[in-house]
Amino acid sequence: MNSAEIPKSATELLAHLANEQGMKDFLAAPLPILATLAAQERRLELAHNDRFIYRTVVITLALLVFLVAGVETLSFANVFVAKPSDYLIALGSTALGALAGLLAPVPNNRQA
């Protein structure tokens, strides 16, 4: 069995084992197939962790944007005596730009 024929998922492995030749191939060399499945499981686990980090960053940036917008609104309503700092406005603008960059759609058809 060459590397192009190695099943890449558990579903493909079950389909491969359904015929007699597939079972013989698996029993002859189970390690490459199992290593491929283990690598796929690791990639899925990393993708899950990335999703958590992504959500945390998006929520944090959104809260920062709302905080700056709230301070600006209260400032314009003369609740605060002092004008908000330019640094606060820059921080809110940067957070808004980062949030827009994170939420922008990514093309799915990657060509190597």
Protein backbone atom coordinates (compact mmCIF):
# COMPACT_ATOMS: atom_id res chain seq x y z
CA MET A 1 0.00 0.00 0.00
CA ASN A 2 1.49 3.35 -0.99
CA SER A 3 1.05 6.63 0.90
CA ALA A 4 -1.74 7.81 -1.42
CA GLU A 5 -3.86 4.78 -0.44
CA ILE A 6 -3.51 5.21 3.34
CA PRO A 7 -6.91 6.03 4.90
CA LYS A 8 -6.98 9.55 6.31
CA SER A 9 -9.95 9.12 8.69
CA ALA A 10 -11.63 6.42 10.74
CA THR A 11 -14.49 6.31 8.23
CA GLU A 12 -12.07 5.70 5.36
CA LEU A 13 -10.32 3.01 7.44
CA LEU A 14 -13.62 1.19 8.03
CA ALA A 15 -14.42 1.34 4.31
CA HIS A 16 -10.92 0.08 3.53
CA LEU A 17 -11.25 -2.82 5.97
CA ALA A 18 -14.60 -3.86 4.49
CA ASN A 19 -12.95 -5.77 1.64
CA GLU A 20 -10.53 -8.67 1.99
CA GLN A 21 -7.56 -6.95 0.29
CA GLY A 22 -7.96 -3.92 2.55
CA MET A 23 -7.89 -6.13 5.63
CA LYS A 24 -4.71 -7.86 4.37
CA ASP A 25 -3.07 -4.47 3.71
CA PHE A 26 -3.94 -3.28 7.20
CA LEU A 27 -2.69 -6.43 8.90
CA ALA A 28 0.53 -6.29 6.88
CA ALA A 29 1.38 -2.71 7.88
CA PRO A 30 -0.91 -1.21 10.54
CA LEU A 31 1.53 1.40 11.88
CA PRO A 32 1.44 3.91 8.96
CA ILE A 33 -2.36 3.84 8.94
CA LEU A 34 -2.65 4.29 12.69
CA ALA A 35 0.00 7.04 12.65
CA THR A 36 -2.01 8.91 9.99
CA LEU A 37 -5.17 8.64 12.09
CA ALA A 38 -3.33 9.82 15.22
CA ALA A 39 -1.94 12.83 13.33
CA GLN A 40 -5.44 13.74 12.18
CA GLU A 41 -6.70 13.54 15.78
CA ARG A 42 -3.92 15.89 16.92
CA ARG A 43 -4.83 18.39 14.17
CA LEU A 44 -8.48 18.31 15.25
CA GLU A 45 -7.48 18.88 18.86
CA LEU A 46 -5.34 21.88 17.90
CA ALA A 47 -8.19 23.29 15.82
CA HIS A 48 -10.49 23.06 18.83
CA ASN A 49 -7.99 24.97 21.00
CA ASP A 50 -7.56 27.61 18.28
CA ARG A 51 -11.33 28.14 18.20
CA PHE A 52 -11.34 28.84 21.96
CA ILE A 53 -8.49 31.34 21.67
CA TYR A 54 -10.14 33.00 18.67
CA ARG A 55 -13.42 33.46 20.55
CA THR A 56 -11.62 34.84 23.59
CA VAL A 57 -9.77 37.40 21.48
CA VAL A 58 -12.93 38.46 19.61
CA ILE A 59 -14.91 38.87 22.84
CA THR A 60 -12.10 40.87 24.47
CA LEU A 61 -11.74 43.20 21.49
CA ALA A 62 -15.51 43.68 21.26
CA LEU A 63 -15.70 44.57 24.95
CA LEU A 64 -12.87 47.06 24.50
CA VAL A 65 -14.67 48.70 21.55
CA PHE A 66 -17.90 48.95 23.56
CA LEU A 67 -16.01 50.39 26.55
CA VAL A 68 -14.40 53.10 24.44
CA ALA A 69 -17.71 53.85 22.71
CA GLY A 70 -19.40 54.16 26.11
CA VAL A 71 -16.73 56.51 27.44
CA GLU A 72 -17.01 58.64 24.29
CA THR A 73 -20.82 58.75 24.56
CA LEU A 74 -20.68 59.78 28.21
CA SER A 75 -18.07 62.40 27.37
CA PHE A 76 -20.25 63.95 24.67
CA ALA A 77 -23.20 63.96 27.09
CA ASN A 78 -21.05 66.03 29.49
CA VAL A 79 -21.09 63.37 32.21
CA PHE A 80 -17.32 63.64 32.45
CA VAL A 81 -15.67 66.97 33.00
CA ALA A 82 -12.49 66.00 31.18
CA LYS A 83 -12.25 65.06 27.53
CA PRO A 84 -11.21 61.41 26.94
CA SER A 85 -7.56 60.88 26.21
CA ASP A 86 -6.38 60.55 22.63
CA TYR A 87 -4.75 57.30 23.70
CA LEU A 88 -8.17 55.88 24.61
CA ILE A 89 -9.54 56.82 21.19
CA ALA A 90 -6.51 55.27 19.49
CA LEU A 91 -6.93 52.10 21.56
CA GLY A 92 -10.60 51.81 20.57
CA SER A 93 -9.81 52.41 16.90
CA THR A 94 -7.08 49.80 16.95
CA ALA A 95 -9.37 47.27 18.65
CA LEU A 96 -12.08 47.96 16.09
CA GLY A 97 -9.60 47.43 13.23
CA ALA A 98 -8.32 44.20 14.77
CA LEU A 99 -11.87 42.97 15.25
CA ALA A 100 -12.71 43.74 11.63
CA GLY A 101 -9.58 41.88 10.50
CA LEU A 102 -10.44 38.82 12.58
CA LEU A 103 -14.04 38.70 11.40
CA ALA A 104 -13.27 39.26 7.73
CA PRO A 105 -14.08 36.20 5.58
CA VAL A 106 -11.14 34.06 4.50
CA PRO A 107 -11.09 32.44 1.06
CA ASN A 108 -11.55 28.67 1.37
CA ASN A 109 -9.90 27.66 -1.92
CA ARG A 110 -6.24 27.68 -0.94
CA GLN A 111 -3.97 26.70 -3.80
CA ALA A 112 -0.42 25.67 -3.06
